Amino acid sequence: MARIALTAVLLLAACASDPVRVEVPVVQRAVPPAELLAPIQTPGRIFTAPGAASVACLDPAGRDSLVGYVDLLRQRVSAWEGWAAP
């Protein structure tokens, strides 16, 4: 019986007081710059059939296109890391 009375008193005391307002910081989603969201143009068809003019099924122009594409991807990753760093 004493527990019920104590619980009732505590509930009444809690309801009688003014509510406490607690402000909590809300995480805001950061919007990345448009340069990071722009699609990277793929090099297209760079692989060739095996033959004497190509090494590993890449001719020199295809190799240059592939190396340029990989460089663009690495630059984009570095840009994302730089943007996301605090």
PDB file of N, CA and C in Angstrom:
ATOM      1  N   MET A   1       0.817  -1.186   0.000  1.00  0.00           N
ATOM      2  CA  MET A   1       0.000   0.000   0.000  1.00  0.00           C
ATOM      3  C   MET A   1       0.867   1.258   0.000  1.00  0.00           C
ATOM      4  N   ALA A   2       1.966   1.176   0.748  1.00  0.00           N
ATOM      5  CA  ALA A   2       2.858   2.330   0.831  1.00  0.00           C
ATOM      6  C   ALA A   2       3.502   2.615  -0.538  1.00  0.00           C
ATOM      7  N   ARG A   3       3.777   1.560  -1.276  1.00  0.00           N
ATOM      8  CA  ARG A   3       4.369   1.738  -2.607  1.00  0.00           C
ATOM      9  C   ARG A   3       3.409   2.428  -3.564  1.00  0.00           C
ATOM     10  N   ILE A   4       2.163   2.069  -3.477  1.00  0.00           N
ATOM     11  CA  ILE A   4       1.156   2.688  -4.347  1.00  0.00           C
ATOM     12  C   ILE A   4       1.009   4.157  -4.004  1.00  0.00           C
ATOM     13  N   ALA A   5       1.008   4.467  -2.730  1.00  0.00           N
ATOM     14  CA  ALA A   5       0.890   5.862  -2.308  1.00  0.00           C
ATOM     15  C   ALA A   5       2.103   6.664  -2.743  1.00  0.00           C
ATOM     16  N   LEU A   6       3.288   6.072  -2.604  1.00  0.00           N
ATOM     17  CA  LEU A   6       4.514   6.755  -3.024  1.00  0.00           C
ATOM     18  C   LEU A   6       4.516   6.987  -4.531  1.00  0.00           C
ATOM     19  N   THR A   7       4.081   6.007  -5.281  1.00  0.00           N
ATOM     20  CA  THR A   7       4.005   6.144  -6.734  1.00  0.00           C
ATOM     21  C   THR A   7       3.018   7.235  -7.119  1.00  0.00           C
ATOM     22  N   ALA A   8       1.883   7.284  -6.463  1.00  0.00           N
ATOM     23  CA  ALA A   8       0.871   8.306  -6.751  1.00  0.00           C
ATOM     24  C   ALA A   8       1.397   9.693  -6.437  1.00  0.00           C
ATOM     25  N   VAL A   9       2.094   9.838  -5.329  1.00  0.00           N
ATOM     26  CA  VAL A   9       2.649  11.142  -4.958  1.00  0.00           C
ATOM     27  C   VAL A   9       3.695  11.580  -5.976  1.00  0.00           C
ATOM     28  N   LEU A  10       4.552  10.661  -6.398  1.00  0.00           N
ATOM     29  CA  LEU A  10       5.573  10.988  -7.384  1.00  0.00           C
ATOM     30  C   LEU A  10       4.958  11.369  -8.731  1.00  0.00           C
ATOM     31  N   LEU A  11       3.922  10.676  -9.139  1.00  0.00           N
ATOM     32  CA  LEU A  11       3.255  11.006 -10.397  1.00  0.00           C
ATOM     33  C   LEU A  11       2.593  12.373 -10.326  1.00  0.00           C
ATOM     34  N   LEU A  12       1.946  12.667  -9.213  1.00  0.00           N
ATOM     35  CA  LEU A  12       1.314  13.974  -9.053  1.00  0.00           C
ATOM     36  C   LEU A  12       2.353  15.092  -9.014  1.00  0.00           C
ATOM     37  N   ALA A  13       3.473  14.840  -8.383  1.00  0.00           N
ATOM     38  CA  ALA A  13       4.532  15.854  -8.325  1.00  0.00           C
ATOM     39  C   ALA A  13       5.112  16.086  -9.711  1.00  0.00           C
ATOM     40  N   ALA A  14       5.245  15.037 -10.474  1.00  0.00           N
ATOM     41  CA  ALA A  14       5.795  15.174 -11.825  1.00  0.00           C
ATOM     42  C   ALA A  14       4.823  15.912 -12.735  1.00  0.00           C
ATOM     43  N   CYS A  15       3.549  15.664 -12.602  1.00  0.00           N
ATOM     44  CA  CYS A  15       2.553  16.315 -13.443  1.00  0.00           C
ATOM     45  C   CYS A  15       2.353  17.780 -13.059  1.00  0.00           C
ATOM     46  N   ALA A  16       2.599  18.116 -11.804  1.00  0.00           N
ATOM     47  CA  ALA A  16       2.370  19.478 -11.338  1.00  0.00           C
ATOM     48  C   ALA A  16       3.496  20.426 -11.751  1.00  0.00           C
ATOM     49  N   SER A  17       4.661  19.913 -11.990  1.00  0.00           N
ATOM     50  CA  SER A  17       5.790  20.793 -12.324  1.00  0.00           C
ATOM     51  C   SER A  17       5.772  21.145 -13.813  1.00  0.00           C
ATOM     52  N   ASP A  18       6.474  22.230 -14.138  1.00  0.00           N
ATOM     53  CA  ASP A  18       6.578  22.640 -15.540  1.00  0.00           C
ATOM     54  C   ASP A  18       7.496  21.672 -16.289  1.00  0.00           C
ATOM     55  N   PRO A  19       7.149  21.368 -17.532  1.00  0.00           N
ATOM     56  CA  PRO A  19       8.013  20.446 -18.283  1.00  0.00           C
ATOM     57  C   PRO A  19       9.361  21.100 -18.589  1.00  0.00           C
ATOM     58  N   VAL A  20      10.380  20.293 -18.609  1.00  0.00           N
ATOM     59  CA  VAL A  20      11.725  20.772 -18.897  1.00  0.00           C
ATOM     60  C   VAL A  20      11.974  20.610 -20.389  1.00  0.00           C
ATOM     61  N   ARG A  21      12.436  21.667 -21.019  1.00  0.00           N
ATOM     62  CA  ARG A  21      12.713  21.610 -22.455  1.00  0.00           C
ATOM     63  C   ARG A  21      14.193  21.311 -22.641  1.00  0.00           C
ATOM     64  N   VAL A  22      14.467  20.247 -23.339  1.00  0.00           N
ATOM     65  CA  VAL A  22      15.836  19.837 -23.606  1.00  0.00           C
ATOM     66  C   VAL A  22      16.065  19.972 -25.100  1.00  0.00           C
ATOM     67  N   GLU A  23      17.027  20.803 -25.469  1.00  0.00           N
ATOM     68  CA  GLU A  23      17.336  20.987 -26.885  1.00  0.00           C
ATOM     69  C   GLU A  23      18.464  20.043 -27.278  1.00  0.00           C
ATOM     70  N   VAL A  24      18.220  19.330 -28.344  1.00  0.00           N
ATOM     71  CA  VAL A  24      19.172  18.348 -28.833  1.00  0.00           C
ATOM     72  C   VAL A  24      19.635  18.790 -30.212  1.00  0.00           C
ATOM     73  N   PRO A  25      20.938  18.791 -30.448  1.00  0.00           N
ATOM     74  CA  PRO A  25      21.401  19.177 -31.779  1.00  0.00           C
ATOM     75  C   PRO A  25      20.993  18.129 -32.820  1.00  0.00           C
ATOM     76  N   VAL A  26      20.555  18.603 -33.955  1.00  0.00           N
ATOM     77  CA  VAL A  26      20.130  17.720 -35.033  1.00  0.00           C
ATOM     78  C   VAL A  26      21.169  17.791 -36.143  1.00  0.00           C
ATOM     79  N   VAL A  27      21.568  16.644 -36.594  1.00  0.00           N
ATOM     80  CA  VAL A  27      22.584  16.585 -37.640  1.00  0.00           C
ATOM     81  C   VAL A  27      21.973  17.075 -38.950  1.00  0.00           C
ATOM     82  N   GLN A  28      22.629  18.014 -39.575  1.00  0.00           N
ATOM     83  CA  GLN A  28      22.191  18.527 -40.870  1.00  0.00           C
ATOM     84  C   GLN A  28      22.964  17.814 -41.968  1.00  0.00           C
ATOM     85  N   ARG A  29      22.266  17.352 -42.960  1.00  0.00           N
ATOM     86  CA  ARG A  29      22.927  16.663 -44.063  1.00  0.00           C
ATOM     87  C   ARG A  29      23.618  17.694 -44.938  1.00  0.00           C
ATOM     88  N   ALA A  30      24.902  17.465 -45.150  1.00  0.00           N
ATOM     89  CA  ALA A  30      25.678  18.372 -45.987  1.00  0.00           C
ATOM     90  C   ALA A  30      25.432  18.030 -47.458  1.00  0.00           C
ATOM     91  N   VAL A  31      25.286  19.051 -48.257  1.00  0.00           N
ATOM     92  CA  VAL A  31      25.050  18.857 -49.686  1.00  0.00           C
ATOM     93  C   VAL A  31      26.387  18.996 -50.402  1.00  0.00           C
ATOM     94  N   PRO A  32      26.828  17.942 -51.110  1.00  0.00           N
ATOM     95  CA  PRO A  32      28.110  18.027 -51.803  1.00  0.00           C
ATOM     96  C   PRO A  32      28.027  18.973 -52.998  1.00  0.00           C
ATOM     97  N   PRO A  33      29.163  19.524 -53.398  1.00  0.00           N
ATOM     98  CA  PRO A  33      29.151  20.415 -54.551  1.00  0.00           C
ATOM     99  C   PRO A  33      28.817  19.652 -55.837  1.00  0.00           C
ATOM    100  N   ALA A  34      28.333  20.380 -56.809  1.00  0.00           N
ATOM    101  CA  ALA A  34      27.899  19.765 -58.076  1.00  0.00           C
ATOM    102  C   ALA A  34      29.055  19.082 -58.797  1.00  0.00           C
ATOM    103  N   GLU A  35      30.283  19.578 -58.611  1.00  0.00           N
ATOM    104  CA  GLU A  35      31.431  18.967 -59.299  1.00  0.00           C
ATOM    105  C   GLU A  35      31.640  17.521 -58.863  1.00  0.00           C
ATOM    106  N   LEU A  36      31.300  17.226 -57.608  1.00  0.00           N
ATOM    107  CA  LEU A  36      31.481  15.860 -57.124  1.00  0.00           C
ATOM    108  C   LEU A  36      30.369  14.932 -57.578  1.00  0.00           C
ATOM    109  N   LEU A  37      29.236  15.489 -57.940  1.00  0.00           N
ATOM    110  CA  LEU A  37      28.101  14.676 -58.365  1.00  0.00           C
ATOM    111  C   LEU A  37      28.028  14.489 -59.877  1.00  0.00           C
ATOM    112  N   ALA A  38      28.817  15.256 -60.603  1.00  0.00           N
ATOM    113  CA  ALA A  38      28.782  15.165 -62.063  1.00  0.00           C
ATOM    114  C   ALA A  38      29.312  13.806 -62.513  1.00  0.00           C
ATOM    115  N   PRO A  39      28.658  13.196 -63.481  1.00  0.00           N
ATOM    116  CA  PRO A  39      29.134  11.886 -63.938  1.00  0.00           C
ATOM    117  C   PRO A  39      30.472  12.013 -64.667  1.00  0.00           C
ATOM    118  N   ILE A  40      31.275  10.976 -64.548  1.00  0.00           N
ATOM    119  CA  ILE A  40      32.556  10.912 -65.246  1.00  0.00           C
ATOM    120  C   ILE A  40      32.321  10.165 -66.552  1.00  0.00           C
ATOM    121  N   GLN A  41      32.744  10.770 -67.621  1.00  0.00           N
ATOM    122  CA  GLN A  41      32.559  10.165 -68.941  1.00  0.00           C
ATOM    123  C   GLN A  41      33.425   8.919 -69.070  1.00  0.00           C
ATOM    124  N   THR A  42      32.813   7.800 -69.430  1.00  0.00           N
ATOM    125  CA  THR A  42      33.574   6.562 -69.613  1.00  0.00           C
ATOM    126  C   THR A  42      34.318   6.607 -70.935  1.00  0.00           C
ATOM    127  N   PRO A  43      35.421   5.890 -71.030  1.00  0.00           N
ATOM    128  CA  PRO A  43      36.215   5.958 -72.252  1.00  0.00           C
ATOM    129  C   PRO A  43      35.590   5.256 -73.453  1.00  0.00           C
ATOM    130  N   GLY A  44      34.552   4.508 -73.261  1.00  0.00           N
ATOM    131  CA  GLY A  44      33.923   3.818 -74.394  1.00  0.00           C
ATOM    132  C   GLY A  44      34.593   2.478 -74.657  1.00  0.00           C
ATOM    133  N   ARG A  45      34.590   2.078 -75.923  1.00  0.00           N
ATOM    134  CA  ARG A  45      35.181   0.793 -76.295  1.00  0.00           C
ATOM    135  C   ARG A  45      36.676   0.976 -76.493  1.00  0.00           C
ATOM    136  N   ILE A  46      37.444   0.487 -75.545  1.00  0.00           N
ATOM    137  CA  ILE A  46      38.896   0.666 -75.630  1.00  0.00           C
ATOM    138  C   ILE A  46      39.616  -0.654 -75.836  1.00  0.00           C
ATOM    139  N   PHE A  47      38.954  -1.759 -75.585  1.00  0.00           N
ATOM    140  CA  PHE A  47      39.605  -3.061 -75.723  1.00  0.00           C
ATOM    141  C   PHE A  47      39.468  -3.557 -77.156  1.00  0.00           C
ATOM    142  N   THR A  48      40.486  -4.221 -77.603  1.00  0.00           N
ATOM    143  CA  THR A  48      40.509  -4.739 -78.973  1.00  0.00           C
ATOM    144  C   THR A  48      40.693  -6.248 -78.937  1.00  0.00           C
ATOM    145  N   ALA A  49      40.535  -6.850 -80.092  1.00  0.00           N
ATOM    146  CA  ALA A  49      40.778  -8.282 -80.203  1.00  0.00           C
ATOM    147  C   ALA A  49      42.276  -8.536 -80.080  1.00  0.00           C
ATOM    148  N   PRO A  50      42.656  -9.676 -79.557  1.00  0.00           N
ATOM    149  CA  PRO A  50      44.080  -9.977 -79.438  1.00  0.00           C
ATOM    150  C   PRO A  50      44.750  -9.963 -80.806  1.00  0.00           C
ATOM    151  N   GLY A  51      45.917  -9.382 -80.852  1.00  0.00           N
ATOM    152  CA  GLY A  51      46.649  -9.315 -82.104  1.00  0.00           C
ATOM    153  C   GLY A  51      48.035  -8.742 -81.877  1.00  0.00           C
ATOM    154  N   ALA A  52      48.746  -8.575 -82.984  1.00  0.00           N
ATOM    155  CA  ALA A  52      50.120  -8.090 -82.895  1.00  0.00           C
ATOM    156  C   ALA A  52      50.170  -6.609 -82.535  1.00  0.00           C
ATOM    157  N   ALA A  53      49.141  -5.832 -82.880  1.00  0.00           N
ATOM    158  CA  ALA A  53      49.167  -4.387 -82.648  1.00  0.00           C
ATOM    159  C   ALA A  53      48.750  -4.009 -81.235  1.00  0.00           C
ATOM    160  N   SER A  54      48.250  -4.963 -80.467  1.00  0.00           N
ATOM    161  CA  SER A  54      47.772  -4.610 -79.132  1.00  0.00           C
ATOM    162  C   SER A  54      48.468  -5.454 -78.074  1.00  0.00           C
ATOM    163  N   VAL A  55      48.674  -4.853 -76.932  1.00  0.00           N
ATOM    164  CA  VAL A  55      49.234  -5.553 -75.781  1.00  0.00           C
ATOM    165  C   VAL A  55      48.116  -5.645 -74.744  1.00  0.00           C
ATOM    166  N   ALA A  56      47.840  -6.851 -74.280  1.00  0.00           N
ATOM    167  CA  ALA A  56      46.772  -7.093 -73.308  1.00  0.00           C
ATOM    168  C   ALA A  56      45.437  -6.568 -73.828  1.00  0.00           C
ATOM    169  N   CYS A  57      45.206  -6.714 -75.120  1.00  0.00           N
ATOM    170  CA  CYS A  57      43.965  -6.317 -75.785  1.00  0.00           C
ATOM    171  C   CYS A  57      43.714  -4.819 -75.697  1.00  0.00           C
ATOM    172  N   LEU A  58      44.766  -4.030 -75.591  1.00  0.00           N
ATOM    173  CA  LEU A  58      44.679  -2.575 -75.598  1.00  0.00           C
ATOM    174  C   LEU A  58      45.662  -2.030 -76.621  1.00  0.00           C
ATOM    175  N   ASP A  59      45.161  -1.213 -77.520  1.00  0.00           N
ATOM    176  CA  ASP A  59      46.087  -0.516 -78.414  1.00  0.00           C
ATOM    177  C   ASP A  59      46.569   0.747 -77.694  1.00  0.00           C
ATOM    178  N   PRO A  60      47.548   1.462 -78.211  1.00  0.00           N
ATOM    179  CA  PRO A  60      48.068   2.635 -77.494  1.00  0.00           C
ATOM    180  C   PRO A  60      47.003   3.693 -77.179  1.00  0.00           C
ATOM    181  N   ALA A  61      46.088   3.941 -78.093  1.00  0.00           N
ATOM    182  CA  ALA A  61      45.039   4.924 -77.832  1.00  0.00           C
ATOM    183  C   ALA A  61      44.106   4.441 -76.719  1.00  0.00           C
ATOM    184  N   GLY A  62      43.789   3.158 -76.727  1.00  0.00           N
ATOM    185  CA  GLY A  62      42.939   2.589 -75.683  1.00  0.00           C
ATOM    186  C   GLY A  62      43.617   2.616 -74.327  1.00  0.00           C
ATOM    187  N   ARG A  63      44.934   2.372 -74.335  1.00  0.00           N
ATOM    188  CA  ARG A  63      45.684   2.434 -73.091  1.00  0.00           C
ATOM    189  C   ARG A  63      45.649   3.850 -72.517  1.00  0.00           C
ATOM    190  N   ASP A  64      45.860   4.832 -73.366  1.00  0.00           N
ATOM    191  CA  ASP A  64      45.824   6.224 -72.909  1.00  0.00           C
ATOM    192  C   ASP A  64      44.438   6.589 -72.368  1.00  0.00           C
ATOM    193  N   SER A  65      43.394   6.110 -73.034  1.00  0.00           N
ATOM    194  CA  SER A  65      42.031   6.383 -72.565  1.00  0.00           C
ATOM    195  C   SER A  65      41.775   5.732 -71.214  1.00  0.00           C
ATOM    196  N   LEU A  66      42.247   4.503 -71.058  1.00  0.00           N
ATOM    197  CA  LEU A  66      42.045   3.794 -69.796  1.00  0.00           C
ATOM    198  C   LEU A  66      42.822   4.459 -68.659  1.00  0.00           C
ATOM    199  N   VAL A  67      44.057   4.851 -68.927  1.00  0.00           N
ATOM    200  CA  VAL A  67      44.861   5.521 -67.905  1.00  0.00           C
ATOM    201  C   VAL A  67      44.226   6.859 -67.532  1.00  0.00           C
ATOM    202  N   GLY A  68      43.728   7.606 -68.498  1.00  0.00           N
ATOM    203  CA  GLY A  68      43.058   8.873 -68.217  1.00  0.00           C
ATOM    204  C   GLY A  68      41.798   8.684 -67.391  1.00  0.00           C
ATOM    205  N   TYR A  69      41.048   7.619 -67.693  1.00  0.00           N
ATOM    206  CA  TYR A  69      39.826   7.330 -66.951  1.00  0.00           C
ATOM    207  C   TYR A  69      40.142   6.979 -65.499  1.00  0.00           C
ATOM    208  N   VAL A  70      41.142   6.146 -65.291  1.00  0.00           N
ATOM    209  CA  VAL A  70      41.538   5.773 -63.929  1.00  0.00           C
ATOM    210  C   VAL A  70      42.042   7.006 -63.174  1.00  0.00           C
ATOM    211  N   ASP A  71      42.774   7.879 -63.845  1.00  0.00           N
ATOM    212  CA  ASP A  71      43.233   9.118 -63.202  1.00  0.00           C
ATOM    213  C   ASP A  71      42.051   9.996 -62.785  1.00  0.00           C
ATOM    214  N   LEU A  72      41.041  10.101 -63.644  1.00  0.00           N
ATOM    215  CA  LEU A  72      39.850  10.871 -63.288  1.00  0.00           C
ATOM    216  C   LEU A  72      39.136  10.274 -62.077  1.00  0.00           C
ATOM    217  N   LEU A  73      39.065   8.945 -62.027  1.00  0.00           N
ATOM    218  CA  LEU A  73      38.429   8.290 -60.881  1.00  0.00           C
ATOM    219  C   LEU A  73      39.223   8.550 -59.599  1.00  0.00           C
ATOM    220  N   ARG A  74      40.530   8.482 -59.683  1.00  0.00           N
ATOM    221  CA  ARG A  74      41.361   8.753 -58.499  1.00  0.00           C
ATOM    222  C   ARG A  74      41.214  10.203 -58.052  1.00  0.00           C
ATOM    223  N   GLN A  75      41.164  11.119 -58.989  1.00  0.00           N
ATOM    224  CA  GLN A  75      40.981  12.526 -58.642  1.00  0.00           C
ATOM    225  C   GLN A  75      39.627  12.749 -57.974  1.00  0.00           C
ATOM    226  N   ARG A  76      38.602  12.057 -58.464  1.00  0.00           N
ATOM    227  CA  ARG A  76      37.272  12.202 -57.874  1.00  0.00           C
ATOM    228  C   ARG A  76      37.255  11.670 -56.446  1.00  0.00           C
ATOM    229  N   VAL A  77      37.905  10.530 -56.231  1.00  0.00           N
ATOM    230  CA  VAL A  77      37.971   9.977 -54.875  1.00  0.00           C
ATOM    231  C   VAL A  77      38.720  10.937 -53.958  1.00  0.00           C
ATOM    232  N   SER A  78      39.812  11.501 -54.420  1.00  0.00           N
ATOM    233  CA  SER A  78      40.558  12.476 -53.609  1.00  0.00           C
ATOM    234  C   SER A  78      39.711  13.706 -53.314  1.00  0.00           C
ATOM    235  N   ALA A  79      38.939  14.146 -54.292  1.00  0.00           N
ATOM    236  CA  ALA A  79      38.063  15.301 -54.079  1.00  0.00           C
ATOM    237  C   ALA A  79      36.987  14.988 -53.040  1.00  0.00           C
ATOM    238  N   TRP A  80      36.402  13.788 -53.098  1.00  0.00           N
ATOM    239  CA  TRP A  80      35.411  13.391 -52.102  1.00  0.00           C
ATOM    240  C   TRP A  80      36.037  13.326 -50.715  1.00  0.00           C
ATOM    241  N   GLU A  81      37.235  12.757 -50.623  1.00  0.00           N
ATOM    242  CA  GLU A  81      37.904  12.661 -49.323  1.00  0.00           C
ATOM    243  C   GLU A  81      38.217  14.055 -48.782  1.00  0.00           C
ATOM    244  N   GLY A  82      38.662  14.951 -49.643  1.00  0.00           N
ATOM    245  CA  GLY A  82      38.937  16.314 -49.219  1.00  0.00           C
ATOM    246  C   GLY A  82      37.685  17.054 -48.773  1.00  0.00           C
ATOM    247  N   TRP A  83      36.582  16.824 -49.460  1.00  0.00           N
ATOM    248  CA  TRP A  83      35.324  17.480 -49.097  1.00  0.00           C
ATOM    249  C   TRP A  83      34.779  16.921 -47.777  1.00  0.00           C
ATOM    250  N   ALA A  84      34.915  15.606 -47.579  1.00  0.00           N
ATOM    251  CA  ALA A  84      34.329  14.961 -46.406  1.00  0.00           C
ATOM    252  C   ALA A  84      35.182  15.128 -45.152  1.00  0.00           C
ATOM    253  N   ALA A  85      36.438  15.496 -45.302  1.00  0.00           N
ATOM    254  CA  ALA A  85      37.326  15.640 -44.146  1.00  0.00           C
ATOM    255  C   ALA A  85      36.874  16.831 -43.297  1.00  0.00           C
ATOM    256  N   PRO A  86      36.986  16.700 -42.004  1.00  0.00           N
ATOM    257  CA  PRO A  86      36.540  17.811 -41.142  1.00  0.00           C
ATOM    258  C   PRO A  86      37.436  19.035 -41.232  1.00  0.00           C
TER     259      PRO A  86
END
